[in-house]
Amino acid sequence: MNDGIKQIQGIKRPYDSNPTTTNAGYQPVAKKKKGVPIVGTTLRELIHTSVKLEPATGDSRSRICPYLDTINRSVLDFDFEKLCSITLSNNNVYACLVCGKYFQGRGQKSCAYTHSVEGEHHVFINLHSLQFFCLPDNYEIIDSSLDDIKYVLNPTYSKEQIEQLDKNEKMVRAYDGTLYLPGIVGLNNIKANDYCNVVLQALINVGPLRDYFLQEDNYADIRVAPGDIMINLVKRFGELVRKLWNPRNFKAHVSPHEMLQAVVKCSKKRFQITRQGDPVEFLAWLLNSLHLTLNGTKNSNSSIIYKAFQGKMKVYTRKIPPIDMSEDEKRKLLSTEEYREYDEETPYLFLSVDLPPPPLFRDEHKESIIPQVPLFQTLTKFDGQTAQEHKTYKDNYLKRYEIRKLPPYLILCFRRFTKNTFYLEKNPTIVNFPIKNVDLRELLPEYHIEPSALVESPSTTYDLISNVVHDGEPGKGTYRVHILHKGSGTWYELQDLHVVDVLPQMITLSESYLQIWERRDVNELFKKP
C-alpha cells in the first residue's frame, strides 16, 4: 500500500491509487468543499440551448412528402458520435435517412443541401431537435410513420413501462428481423473495450440504477459548474441505458461509441478503447464519477449510486513490533500508544476479496492443478476476527475488517492479478458459489453491530445477478459477463456482440473476476411512491 495519506470523507487513512490492490476493497470518494454553492447550468438547460426547434413553415407539402418511400431504415445507425461526415462539426447535424450519413446544416451552401442535390437523397432528420426535413425543397415533414425513427434516436419510458421491465419475458423483434430481449443486448467492441462493455452490461441490469437513468427528468435539473465535462458522462450513460432497454430497436445490438468517447475524455485518457484495461478500476472510477456529478456527498442517500452500492465497514489496525526485538522489548512497545489497536469506520462501494495462492507443482499426471475455494471461505476476511498482515516500506500492520452494513447491491472483486517485479500473474483459482440464497448474516457480528444497520438491512440474503469473467493470459485475454434476465429467469452470456443463453451450473465453473449480488429486500427499499 502506498505511503501517502489522503483526506477521504473526513478520515485519514493510507490510500492506494490502484483499487484492485486495496486491502479493504473500499473505494475513496473525493470530498466536496463545504460552503461552496453549486452554480452553473443543468443538463436540461444545456439541451435547450443547443436545440432550437424551428417553427413549422405551414407548407402544404409537409404532410404529403413524396419521398418517404426512399427512407432505408436498415442503414440507420444513431449510436455513433453526431459529427458531420465532411466537416467533423457537431453543430446543427442532420442524418440522411436514405444512406444514413451525417451532414451539417440545411442552407444552400451546406453539406446536407449539397448531398441532397448530388445524391438525390431528400429526407433528413435533425439529430438534436428530432425534426424531419425535405431537401433541397427545404420544408418540414410531418408524418406519424416517422415516429419509430424518432423513438430509436431518443427512447422514452413511462413509469408504467419501467415497472413492467422486470416482469417481461417475451422476446421482441428488431427491424432487421432479429429476436432479442430488452436489456440483454450485445455491445460492439470497437477495438479493445470489452473491459468497459462487461461493466456497462452489469450496471444497466441493476434495477434502481436502470430505473433512475431511464427517465432523464431524474437528473436533468442537477446543476454543474460551468465547463464541467463530467456532465457528458451522465448524459451518455443515460442514453446508453435507454438504448439497451429499447423494445423497438432497428437492430439487436448497440454501439457504445458515444459513451466510450465520454469515458476517454472525462478520465483524461486513463481508460482507452484501443488498449485493454481493468474492469475493476473502470467500475470504481465510473461509480465515483457518476456519484460526484450527480452532486453526491458523503451522505449515504445523496445519490442513486450510494443508495444502491454503499455499505459500511470498520477497520481495526495495530502496528507490529520489529522481528529482531526481544520478547520484553515487544511487550513494552505493545503497551505504548503507538502500538495500540485503533479502529475507524469507512464506507465502501465494493469488497476486494483475496484468493488463496495457486499450487506450485503439478499432479502425478503432469497436469496443472486448478484449485477451488468456497465463497464463504474467501469472505472470512471481513468477519472482524481474521487478521491480515500488511507491509509498508517502513512498518508492518495487522488489520481486521468488520462489515457494519450490507448494501442493497453488493459488489465483489476477486483479486486474480498480482504484479511482481518482472511480470503480471493471474490466479486461476475457481470460486465455488451458489447463485441464490447466499446469507451473509455471519459477517455481521451480533453483539457489535449498530442497531441502525439491522434496521437498514433487515435482510442479509443475496442472489447473484451478474458475473464478469476473464479468459486468457493476464494483461491480455478477453472479458465476458453472465447476466440474469429477471423476467424469464434465464441466464445469458454476453461477450461483445455475442449473446447466448447459458445454464446456471456453467457460471460457477468460470474464473469469476467481478460479481454483483442483489439483496432480497431491494424492491421494498426502492419502492416508488
Protein backbone atom coordinates (compact mmCIF):
# COMPACT_ATOMS: atom_id res chain seq x y z
CA MET A 1 0.00 0.00 0.00
CA ASN A 2 1.29 3.46 -0.80
CA ASP A 3 2.68 5.53 1.99
CA GLY A 4 0.76 8.66 1.03
CA ILE A 5 -2.06 9.89 3.19
CA LYS A 6 -5.16 11.42 1.66
CA GLN A 7 -8.14 13.04 3.34
CA ILE A 8 -11.12 10.92 2.29
CA GLN A 9 -14.56 11.73 3.66
CA GLY A 10 -13.09 13.27 6.79
CA ILE A 11 -11.00 10.15 7.62
CA LYS A 12 -7.23 9.96 7.29
CA ARG A 13 -6.01 6.60 6.09
CA PRO A 14 -3.39 5.11 3.79
CA TYR A 15 -4.54 5.33 0.21
CA ASP A 16 -3.70 3.15 -2.78
CA SER A 17 -4.37 4.57 -6.22
CA ASN A 18 -4.94 1.06 -7.59
CA PRO A 19 -8.31 -0.19 -6.25
CA THR A 20 -7.54 -3.82 -7.15
CA THR A 21 -4.79 -3.88 -4.53
CA THR A 22 -6.57 -2.07 -1.71
CA ASN A 23 -6.63 -4.12 1.44
CA ALA A 24 -10.21 -3.44 2.42
CA GLY A 25 -11.69 -3.13 -1.02
CA TYR A 26 -13.22 0.25 -0.34
CA GLN A 27 -13.11 2.97 -2.96
CA PRO A 28 -12.44 6.51 -1.75
CA VAL A 29 -14.62 9.38 -2.86
CA ALA A 30 -13.44 12.94 -3.25
CA LYS A 31 -14.72 15.36 -0.68
CA LYS A 32 -16.65 18.41 -1.75
CA LYS A 33 -15.83 21.80 -0.27
CA LYS A 34 -18.26 22.94 2.36
CA GLY A 35 -20.00 26.26 2.00
CA VAL A 36 -19.40 26.48 -1.75
CA PRO A 37 -22.71 26.94 -3.56
CA ILE A 38 -23.34 24.87 -6.67
CA VAL A 39 -23.63 27.30 -9.54
CA GLY A 40 -23.66 26.78 -13.24
CA THR A 41 -26.09 25.12 -15.56
CA THR A 42 -28.18 21.96 -15.76
CA LEU A 43 -28.39 19.21 -18.31
CA ARG A 44 -31.87 20.37 -19.28
CA GLU A 45 -30.58 23.90 -19.94
CA LEU A 46 -27.67 22.54 -21.98
CA ILE A 47 -30.09 20.58 -24.15
CA HIS A 48 -32.44 23.53 -24.63
CA THR A 49 -29.65 25.94 -25.53
CA SER A 50 -28.15 23.54 -28.07
CA VAL A 51 -31.50 22.54 -29.59
CA LYS A 52 -33.51 25.20 -31.35
CA LEU A 53 -36.85 24.00 -32.60
CA GLU A 54 -37.70 25.66 -35.85
CA PRO A 55 -41.31 26.83 -36.24
CA ALA A 56 -43.49 24.98 -38.67
CA THR A 57 -43.50 26.61 -42.07
CA GLY A 58 -47.13 25.80 -42.82
CA ASP A 59 -46.07 24.36 -46.18
CA SER A 60 -48.81 22.27 -47.79
CA ARG A 61 -46.20 19.66 -48.76
CA SER A 62 -45.35 18.90 -45.10
CA ARG A 63 -47.93 16.13 -44.81
CA ILE A 64 -47.73 14.72 -48.35
CA CYS A 65 -43.99 14.38 -48.90
CA PRO A 66 -43.46 12.11 -51.97
CA TYR A 67 -40.03 10.89 -50.82
CA LEU A 68 -40.97 8.95 -47.68
CA ASP A 69 -40.71 5.64 -49.54
CA THR A 70 -36.98 6.30 -50.12
CA ILE A 71 -36.17 6.02 -46.41
CA ASN A 72 -33.95 2.99 -45.73
CA ARG A 73 -34.26 2.04 -42.06
CA SER A 74 -31.80 -0.84 -42.39
CA VAL A 75 -28.85 1.57 -42.80
CA LEU A 76 -29.79 3.95 -39.99
CA ASP A 77 -27.38 3.90 -37.05
CA PHE A 78 -27.67 6.62 -34.41
CA ASP A 79 -25.13 5.13 -31.99
CA PHE A 80 -22.09 6.95 -33.33
CA GLU A 81 -20.98 10.45 -32.47
CA LYS A 82 -23.16 13.13 -34.04
CA LEU A 83 -20.49 14.65 -36.32
CA CYS A 84 -20.73 15.82 -39.92
CA SER A 85 -19.00 13.26 -42.15
CA ILE A 86 -17.34 16.09 -44.12
CA THR A 87 -16.60 18.97 -41.72
CA LEU A 88 -16.47 16.85 -38.49
CA SER A 89 -18.52 19.56 -36.78
CA ASN A 90 -21.14 18.70 -34.16
CA ASN A 91 -23.23 21.83 -34.73
CA ASN A 92 -26.60 21.54 -36.45
CA VAL A 93 -26.04 17.98 -37.72
CA TYR A 94 -28.60 16.18 -39.90
CA ALA A 95 -28.81 12.48 -40.76
CA CYS A 96 -29.73 11.40 -44.26
CA LEU A 97 -32.50 8.81 -43.87
CA VAL A 98 -31.66 7.28 -47.25
CA CYS A 99 -27.99 6.44 -46.78
CA GLY A 100 -27.54 7.01 -43.02
CA LYS A 101 -24.67 9.54 -43.30
CA TYR A 102 -24.39 12.67 -41.18
CA PHE A 103 -24.15 16.15 -42.68
CA GLN A 104 -24.07 19.66 -41.30
CA GLY A 105 -26.56 22.43 -41.97
CA ARG A 106 -29.55 22.82 -44.25
CA GLY A 107 -28.80 26.02 -46.17
CA GLN A 108 -27.97 26.19 -49.85
CA LYS A 109 -24.21 26.07 -49.20
CA SER A 110 -24.39 23.38 -46.52
CA CYS A 111 -23.14 19.80 -46.74
CA ALA A 112 -26.64 18.35 -46.35
CA TYR A 113 -28.03 20.52 -49.16
CA THR A 114 -25.17 19.52 -51.49
CA HIS A 115 -25.67 15.85 -50.66
CA SER A 116 -29.40 16.06 -51.38
CA VAL A 117 -28.74 17.51 -54.83
CA GLU A 118 -25.85 15.26 -55.83
CA GLY A 119 -27.21 12.02 -54.40
CA GLU A 120 -30.90 12.72 -54.82
CA HIS A 121 -31.46 11.87 -51.16
CA HIS A 122 -34.22 14.10 -49.88
CA VAL A 123 -35.32 13.10 -46.37
CA PHE A 124 -33.23 14.28 -43.38
CA ILE A 125 -33.66 14.41 -39.61
CA ASN A 126 -32.11 16.97 -37.28
CA LEU A 127 -30.27 14.84 -34.71
CA HIS A 128 -30.83 17.40 -31.94
CA SER A 129 -34.35 18.73 -32.46
CA LEU A 130 -35.67 15.45 -33.99
CA GLN A 131 -37.42 17.37 -36.79
CA PHE A 132 -37.67 15.93 -40.30
CA PHE A 133 -36.96 17.99 -43.43
CA CYS A 134 -37.08 17.52 -47.17
CA LEU A 135 -34.09 18.90 -49.08
CA PRO A 136 -33.42 20.72 -51.32
CA ASP A 137 -37.06 21.89 -51.19
CA ASN A 138 -36.42 22.83 -47.54
CA TYR A 139 -39.77 22.16 -45.87
CA GLU A 140 -40.53 20.27 -42.64
CA ILE A 141 -42.05 16.81 -42.94
CA ILE A 142 -44.87 15.96 -40.54
CA ASP A 143 -45.86 12.30 -40.67
CA SER A 144 -46.65 9.82 -37.89
CA SER A 145 -44.98 7.00 -39.83
CA LEU A 146 -41.62 8.54 -38.86
CA ASP A 147 -42.23 8.22 -35.11
CA ASP A 148 -40.33 4.91 -34.96
CA ILE A 149 -37.17 6.63 -36.21
CA LYS A 150 -37.59 9.37 -33.63
CA TYR A 151 -38.07 6.77 -30.87
CA VAL A 152 -34.91 4.86 -31.83
CA LEU A 153 -32.94 8.10 -31.70
CA ASN A 154 -34.35 9.11 -28.33
CA PRO A 155 -36.29 6.35 -26.47
CA THR A 156 -38.59 7.47 -23.66
CA TYR A 157 -40.24 5.43 -20.92
CA SER A 158 -43.28 5.96 -18.74
CA LYS A 159 -43.40 4.85 -15.11
CA GLU A 160 -45.77 2.04 -16.06
CA GLN A 161 -43.33 0.74 -18.70
CA ILE A 162 -40.43 0.84 -16.24
CA GLU A 163 -42.41 -1.15 -13.68
CA GLN A 164 -43.04 -3.89 -16.25
CA LEU A 165 -39.39 -4.30 -17.34
CA ASP A 166 -38.52 -6.98 -14.77
CA LYS A 167 -41.79 -8.82 -15.47
CA ASN A 168 -41.46 -9.03 -19.24
CA GLU A 169 -40.36 -12.44 -20.50
CA LYS A 170 -41.21 -12.08 -24.19
CA MET A 171 -38.63 -11.51 -26.88
CA VAL A 172 -39.17 -8.65 -29.33
CA ARG A 173 -38.23 -8.48 -32.99
CA ALA A 174 -35.94 -5.77 -34.30
CA TYR A 175 -36.46 -4.14 -37.70
CA ASP A 176 -33.80 -6.41 -39.23
CA GLY A 177 -35.78 -9.47 -38.08
CA THR A 178 -33.54 -10.42 -35.15
CA LEU A 179 -35.19 -11.52 -31.90
CA TYR A 180 -33.81 -10.05 -28.67
CA LEU A 181 -34.69 -9.33 -25.07
CA PRO A 182 -34.60 -5.67 -23.99
CA GLY A 183 -31.68 -5.28 -21.60
CA ILE A 184 -29.90 -8.35 -22.99
CA VAL A 185 -28.33 -6.65 -25.99
CA GLY A 186 -24.80 -7.02 -27.35
CA LEU A 187 -22.36 -4.11 -27.26
CA ASN A 188 -19.96 -3.52 -30.12
CA ASN A 189 -16.24 -3.95 -29.39
CA ILE A 190 -14.57 -1.11 -31.27
CA LYS A 191 -11.07 -2.48 -30.63
CA ALA A 192 -10.20 -3.39 -27.03
CA ASN A 193 -13.09 -2.02 -24.98
CA ASP A 194 -14.54 -5.34 -23.83
CA TYR A 195 -13.45 -4.49 -20.27
CA CYS A 196 -15.80 -1.48 -20.43
CA ASN A 197 -18.62 -3.42 -22.10
CA VAL A 198 -18.91 -6.02 -19.32
CA VAL A 199 -19.10 -3.32 -16.62
CA LEU A 200 -21.74 -1.37 -18.53
CA GLN A 201 -23.78 -4.54 -19.13
CA ALA A 202 -23.63 -5.40 -15.44
CA LEU A 203 -24.64 -1.92 -14.27
CA ILE A 204 -27.58 -1.44 -16.64
CA ASN A 205 -29.16 -4.58 -15.16
CA VAL A 206 -29.10 -3.14 -11.63
CA GLY A 207 -32.78 -2.30 -11.22
CA PRO A 208 -32.73 1.01 -9.25
CA LEU A 209 -29.81 2.37 -11.29
CA ARG A 210 -31.56 1.44 -14.54
CA ASP A 211 -34.89 2.95 -13.45
CA TYR A 212 -33.18 6.18 -12.43
CA PHE A 213 -31.42 6.72 -15.77
CA LEU A 214 -34.36 5.58 -17.92
CA GLN A 215 -36.13 8.82 -17.01
CA GLU A 216 -33.99 11.82 -17.92
CA ASP A 217 -36.06 14.10 -15.66
CA ASN A 218 -34.44 12.44 -12.63
CA TYR A 219 -31.10 14.11 -13.31
CA ALA A 220 -31.85 16.82 -15.91
CA ASP A 221 -32.10 19.57 -13.28
CA ILE A 222 -28.87 18.80 -11.41
CA ARG A 223 -26.59 21.83 -11.53
CA VAL A 224 -22.94 21.51 -12.53
CA ALA A 225 -20.12 24.04 -12.68
CA PRO A 226 -19.66 25.93 -15.95
CA GLY A 227 -17.46 23.99 -18.35
CA ASP A 228 -17.71 20.75 -16.35
CA ILE A 229 -17.24 17.98 -18.92
CA MET A 230 -18.34 15.29 -16.44
CA ILE A 231 -21.98 16.09 -17.21
CA ASN A 232 -21.38 14.41 -20.57
CA LEU A 233 -20.65 11.14 -18.75
CA VAL A 234 -24.05 11.20 -17.03
CA LYS A 235 -25.77 12.19 -20.27
CA ARG A 236 -24.13 9.45 -22.35
CA PHE A 237 -24.66 6.79 -19.70
CA GLY A 238 -28.36 7.65 -19.55
CA GLU A 239 -28.61 7.48 -23.35
CA LEU A 240 -26.91 4.08 -23.37
CA VAL A 241 -29.26 2.69 -20.71
CA ARG A 242 -32.31 3.85 -22.68
CA LYS A 243 -30.99 2.34 -25.92
CA LEU A 244 -30.16 -1.03 -24.36
CA TRP A 245 -33.67 -1.34 -22.91
CA ASN A 246 -35.41 -0.09 -26.07
CA PRO A 247 -38.04 -2.65 -27.21
CA ARG A 248 -38.24 -1.03 -30.68
CA ASN A 249 -34.63 -1.10 -31.88
CA PHE A 250 -33.80 -1.37 -35.57
CA LYS A 251 -31.06 -3.91 -34.76
CA ALA A 252 -30.35 -6.29 -31.89
CA HIS A 253 -27.09 -4.68 -30.82
CA VAL A 254 -25.87 -1.26 -29.69
CA SER A 255 -22.56 0.52 -30.22
CA PRO A 256 -21.36 2.32 -27.04
CA HIS A 257 -19.29 4.72 -29.15
CA GLU A 258 -20.57 7.98 -27.62
CA MET A 259 -20.38 6.59 -24.08
CA LEU A 260 -16.79 5.43 -24.58
CA GLN A 261 -15.82 8.77 -26.10
CA ALA A 262 -17.13 10.45 -22.95
CA VAL A 263 -15.18 7.95 -20.80
CA VAL A 264 -11.92 8.66 -22.62
CA LYS A 265 -12.42 12.41 -22.35
CA CYS A 266 -13.66 12.55 -18.76
CA SER A 267 -10.97 10.15 -17.48
CA LYS A 268 -8.28 12.19 -19.27
CA LYS A 269 -7.38 9.14 -21.39
CA ARG A 270 -6.86 6.90 -18.38
CA PHE A 271 -9.29 4.43 -19.95
CA GLN A 272 -8.84 3.83 -23.68
CA ILE A 273 -10.87 1.96 -26.28
CA THR A 274 -7.70 0.85 -28.07
CA ARG A 275 -5.93 -0.68 -25.06
CA GLN A 276 -7.08 -3.39 -22.67
CA GLY A 277 -7.90 -2.17 -19.18
CA ASP A 278 -9.05 -3.44 -15.81
CA PRO A 279 -12.85 -3.69 -15.27
CA VAL A 280 -12.49 -3.12 -11.52
CA GLU A 281 -10.56 0.12 -11.99
CA PHE A 282 -13.11 1.25 -14.57
CA LEU A 283 -16.05 0.33 -12.33
CA ALA A 284 -14.58 2.21 -9.36
CA TRP A 285 -13.92 5.30 -11.46
CA LEU A 286 -17.33 5.21 -13.15
CA LEU A 287 -19.32 4.84 -9.91
CA ASN A 288 -17.43 7.65 -8.18
CA SER A 289 -17.63 9.92 -11.22
CA LEU A 290 -21.38 9.40 -11.55
CA HIS A 291 -21.84 9.96 -7.82
CA LEU A 292 -19.94 13.26 -7.78
CA THR A 293 -21.52 14.55 -10.99
CA LEU A 294 -24.97 13.85 -9.54
CA ASN A 295 -23.94 16.21 -6.70
CA GLY A 296 -23.41 13.32 -4.33
CA THR A 297 -21.84 13.88 -0.91
CA LYS A 298 -20.64 11.56 1.85
CA ASN A 299 -24.29 11.11 2.87
CA SER A 300 -25.41 7.57 2.01
CA ASN A 301 -28.64 8.86 0.42
CA SER A 302 -27.11 11.69 -1.59
CA SER A 303 -27.17 9.85 -4.94
CA ILE A 304 -28.57 6.71 -6.54
CA ILE A 305 -25.01 5.29 -6.61
CA TYR A 306 -24.63 5.42 -2.84
CA LYS A 307 -28.21 4.26 -2.24
CA ALA A 308 -27.58 1.11 -4.26
CA PHE A 309 -23.94 0.19 -3.58
CA GLN A 310 -22.63 1.83 -0.41
CA GLY A 311 -22.02 -0.20 2.72
CA LYS A 312 -20.09 0.46 5.93
CA MET A 313 -17.03 -1.25 7.34
CA LYS A 314 -14.90 -0.89 10.47
CA VAL A 315 -11.15 -1.36 10.04
CA TYR A 316 -9.04 -2.33 13.09
CA THR A 317 -5.33 -1.56 12.73
CA ARG A 318 -2.40 -2.47 15.00
CA LYS A 319 1.28 -1.85 14.39
CA ILE A 320 3.57 -4.90 14.63
CA PRO A 321 6.88 -4.63 16.55
CA PRO A 322 10.11 -5.41 14.64
CA ILE A 323 11.04 -9.09 14.48
CA ASP A 324 14.59 -8.68 15.78
CA MET A 325 13.41 -7.38 19.18
CA SER A 326 13.34 -9.46 22.31
CA GLU A 327 10.08 -10.50 23.96
CA ASP A 328 10.44 -7.96 26.77
CA GLU A 329 11.03 -5.13 24.32
CA LYS A 330 7.99 -6.20 22.30
CA ARG A 331 5.80 -6.16 25.42
CA LYS A 332 6.93 -2.65 26.28
CA LEU A 333 6.24 -1.47 22.75
CA LEU A 334 2.79 -3.06 22.67
CA SER A 335 1.83 -1.12 25.78
CA THR A 336 2.67 2.22 24.17
CA GLU A 337 0.10 4.36 22.38
CA GLU A 338 1.77 3.88 19.00
CA TYR A 339 1.29 0.10 19.06
CA ARG A 340 -2.23 0.01 20.44
CA GLU A 341 -5.05 -1.10 18.18
CA TYR A 342 -7.28 1.64 16.80
CA ASP A 343 -10.35 1.45 14.59
CA GLU A 344 -12.01 3.67 12.00
CA GLU A 345 -15.30 3.35 10.18
CA THR A 346 -15.28 3.82 6.44
CA PRO A 347 -17.75 3.42 3.58
CA TYR A 348 -17.17 1.05 0.69
CA LEU A 349 -18.63 0.56 -2.76
CA PHE A 350 -17.18 -2.90 -3.34
CA LEU A 351 -15.24 -5.55 -1.44
CA SER A 352 -11.84 -6.75 -2.64
CA VAL A 353 -11.68 -10.50 -1.96
CA ASP A 354 -8.35 -12.33 -1.70
CA LEU A 355 -7.84 -15.73 -3.33
CA PRO A 356 -5.53 -18.43 -1.91
CA PRO A 357 -2.24 -18.77 -3.80
CA PRO A 358 -2.23 -21.37 -6.59
CA PRO A 359 -0.17 -24.59 -6.17
CA LEU A 360 3.42 -24.53 -7.41
CA PHE A 361 3.56 -28.14 -8.58
CA ARG A 362 1.60 -30.39 -10.94
CA ASP A 363 -0.16 -33.64 -10.07
CA GLU A 364 1.00 -37.18 -10.85
CA HIS A 365 -0.48 -36.98 -14.35
CA LYS A 366 1.68 -33.92 -15.08
CA GLU A 367 -1.36 -31.76 -15.40
CA SER A 368 -1.83 -28.41 -13.76
CA ILE A 369 -3.98 -28.48 -10.66
CA ILE A 370 -6.83 -25.97 -10.72
CA PRO A 371 -7.55 -25.16 -7.06
CA GLN A 372 -11.04 -24.39 -5.83
CA VAL A 373 -12.21 -22.38 -2.84
CA PRO A 374 -15.70 -21.82 -1.39
CA LEU A 375 -17.07 -18.27 -1.49
CA PHE A 376 -17.66 -18.16 2.27
CA GLN A 377 -14.02 -19.04 2.93
CA THR A 378 -12.85 -16.02 0.94
CA LEU A 379 -15.29 -13.75 2.81
CA THR A 380 -13.83 -14.61 6.24
CA LYS A 381 -11.53 -11.64 5.64
CA PHE A 382 -14.48 -9.42 6.61
CA ASP A 383 -15.75 -11.28 9.69
CA GLY A 384 -13.95 -8.95 12.12
CA GLN A 385 -11.86 -11.81 13.54
CA THR A 386 -9.42 -12.77 10.79
CA ALA A 387 -6.31 -10.57 10.88
CA GLN A 388 -4.06 -9.95 7.90
CA GLU A 389 -0.55 -8.57 7.82
CA HIS A 390 0.14 -5.62 5.55
CA LYS A 391 3.62 -4.40 4.82
CA THR A 392 4.75 -0.90 4.01
CA TYR A 393 8.21 0.34 3.16
CA LYS A 394 8.82 1.06 6.85
CA ASP A 395 6.40 -0.75 9.18
CA ASN A 396 4.12 -3.78 9.29
CA TYR A 397 0.50 -3.70 10.39
CA LEU A 398 -2.17 -6.20 11.39
CA LYS A 399 -5.63 -5.33 10.10
CA ARG A 400 -9.09 -6.73 10.70
CA TYR A 401 -12.17 -5.83 8.66
CA GLU A 402 -15.67 -5.91 10.08
CA ILE A 403 -18.78 -5.36 7.97
CA ARG A 404 -21.15 -2.96 9.70
CA LYS A 405 -23.74 -2.53 6.98
CA LEU A 406 -24.51 -4.59 3.88
CA PRO A 407 -25.58 -2.59 0.80
CA PRO A 408 -28.66 -3.40 -1.30
CA TYR A 409 -26.30 -4.38 -4.13
CA LEU A 410 -23.03 -5.99 -3.06
CA ILE A 411 -20.10 -5.87 -5.49
CA LEU A 412 -17.34 -8.45 -5.01
CA CYS A 413 -13.97 -8.18 -6.73
CA PHE A 414 -11.75 -11.27 -6.72
CA ARG A 415 -8.09 -10.26 -6.80
CA ARG A 416 -6.87 -12.54 -9.57
CA PHE A 417 -4.00 -10.41 -10.78
CA THR A 418 -0.79 -9.74 -8.85
CA LYS A 419 2.10 -7.73 -10.19
CA ASN A 420 5.63 -8.57 -9.12
CA THR A 421 8.97 -7.13 -10.17
CA PHE A 422 9.01 -8.89 -13.51
CA TYR A 423 5.51 -9.56 -14.82
CA LEU A 424 1.78 -9.77 -14.11
CA GLU A 425 0.49 -13.08 -12.76
CA LYS A 426 -3.03 -14.48 -12.78
CA ASN A 427 -4.50 -16.69 -10.10
CA PRO A 428 -6.61 -19.45 -11.77
CA THR A 429 -8.44 -20.46 -8.56
CA ILE A 430 -12.10 -21.28 -9.13
CA VAL A 431 -14.51 -19.77 -6.60
CA ASN A 432 -17.39 -22.10 -5.76
CA PHE A 433 -20.55 -20.17 -5.06
CA PRO A 434 -24.31 -20.72 -5.19
CA ILE A 435 -26.19 -18.28 -7.41
CA LYS A 436 -29.12 -17.96 -5.00
CA ASN A 437 -29.82 -17.74 -1.27
CA VAL A 438 -26.38 -16.59 -0.09
CA ASP A 439 -26.89 -15.48 3.51
CA LEU A 440 -24.15 -13.15 4.77
CA ARG A 441 -25.53 -12.71 8.28
CA GLU A 442 -22.39 -14.34 9.70
CA LEU A 443 -20.36 -11.36 8.57
CA LEU A 444 -22.42 -9.07 10.81
CA PRO A 445 -21.34 -9.60 14.45
CA GLU A 446 -24.48 -9.79 16.57
CA TYR A 447 -23.07 -8.04 19.63
CA HIS A 448 -21.10 -5.28 17.98
CA ILE A 449 -23.29 -4.21 15.11
CA GLU A 450 -25.06 -0.90 15.38
CA PRO A 451 -28.86 -1.16 15.68
CA SER A 452 -29.40 1.16 12.73
CA ALA A 453 -27.67 -1.33 10.44
CA LEU A 454 -30.20 -4.02 11.29
CA VAL A 455 -32.98 -1.55 10.61
CA GLU A 456 -31.45 -0.50 7.30
CA SER A 457 -30.69 -4.04 6.16
CA PRO A 458 -33.08 -6.47 7.84
CA SER A 459 -32.41 -8.96 5.05
CA THR A 460 -28.94 -10.43 4.57
CA THR A 461 -29.77 -12.91 1.80
CA TYR A 462 -28.38 -12.20 -1.66
CA ASP A 463 -28.92 -13.53 -5.18
CA LEU A 464 -26.38 -13.24 -7.97
CA ILE A 465 -27.44 -11.01 -10.89
CA SER A 466 -24.19 -10.57 -12.86
CA ASN A 467 -20.81 -12.27 -13.08
CA VAL A 468 -17.80 -10.91 -15.01
CA VAL A 469 -15.25 -13.49 -16.20
CA HIS A 470 -11.72 -13.11 -17.54
CA ASP A 471 -10.39 -15.64 -20.06
CA GLY A 472 -6.83 -15.88 -21.29
CA GLU A 473 -3.48 -14.51 -20.19
CA PRO A 474 -3.09 -11.68 -17.66
CA GLY A 475 -2.90 -8.26 -19.23
CA LYS A 476 -4.43 -9.63 -22.42
CA GLY A 477 -7.27 -12.09 -22.80
CA THR A 478 -10.95 -11.21 -23.08
CA TYR A 479 -13.84 -10.45 -20.76
CA ARG A 480 -17.39 -11.77 -20.82
CA VAL A 481 -20.32 -11.33 -18.48
CA HIS A 482 -23.20 -13.50 -17.27
CA ILE A 483 -26.47 -11.61 -16.77
CA LEU A 484 -29.70 -12.82 -15.17
CA HIS A 485 -32.83 -11.77 -17.03
CA LYS A 486 -35.38 -11.47 -14.24
CA GLY A 487 -38.48 -11.66 -16.39
CA SER A 488 -37.68 -15.08 -17.85
CA GLY A 489 -35.34 -16.26 -15.07
CA THR A 490 -32.78 -17.22 -17.74
CA TRP A 491 -29.03 -16.60 -17.57
CA TYR A 492 -27.32 -15.12 -20.62
CA GLU A 493 -23.66 -14.89 -21.55
CA LEU A 494 -22.67 -11.67 -23.31
CA GLN A 495 -19.31 -11.20 -24.98
CA ASP A 496 -19.39 -8.08 -27.11
CA LEU A 497 -21.99 -8.80 -29.85
CA HIS A 498 -22.41 -12.49 -28.97
CA VAL A 499 -25.43 -13.22 -26.78
CA VAL A 500 -26.30 -16.82 -25.84
CA ASP A 501 -28.28 -18.39 -23.03
CA VAL A 502 -26.27 -20.42 -20.54
CA LEU A 503 -27.03 -22.95 -17.83
CA PRO A 504 -26.64 -21.67 -14.25
CA GLN A 505 -24.34 -24.61 -13.47
CA MET A 506 -21.81 -23.36 -16.02
CA ILE A 507 -21.46 -19.97 -14.32
CA THR A 508 -19.77 -21.40 -11.23
CA LEU A 509 -17.10 -23.13 -13.36
CA SER A 510 -15.70 -19.87 -14.74
CA GLU A 511 -12.88 -17.70 -13.42
CA SER A 512 -15.05 -15.00 -11.86
CA TYR A 513 -13.46 -11.59 -11.53
CA LEU A 514 -16.33 -9.29 -10.61
CA GLN A 515 -19.80 -10.06 -9.24
CA ILE A 516 -22.90 -8.06 -8.35
CA TRP A 517 -25.28 -9.56 -5.77
CA GLU A 518 -28.81 -8.30 -5.13
CA ARG A 519 -30.34 -8.31 -1.67
CA ARG A 520 -33.76 -9.89 -1.36
CA ASP A 521 -35.47 -6.76 0.02
CA VAL A 522 -34.41 -4.27 -2.69
CA ASN A 523 -37.94 -3.97 -4.05
CA GLU A 524 -39.13 -2.72 -0.67
CA LEU A 525 -36.15 -0.38 -0.22
CA PHE A 526 -36.60 1.27 -3.61
CA LYS A 527 -40.39 1.16 -3.68
CA LYS A 528 -41.71 4.11 -5.62
CA PRO A 529 -44.36 6.32 -4.01
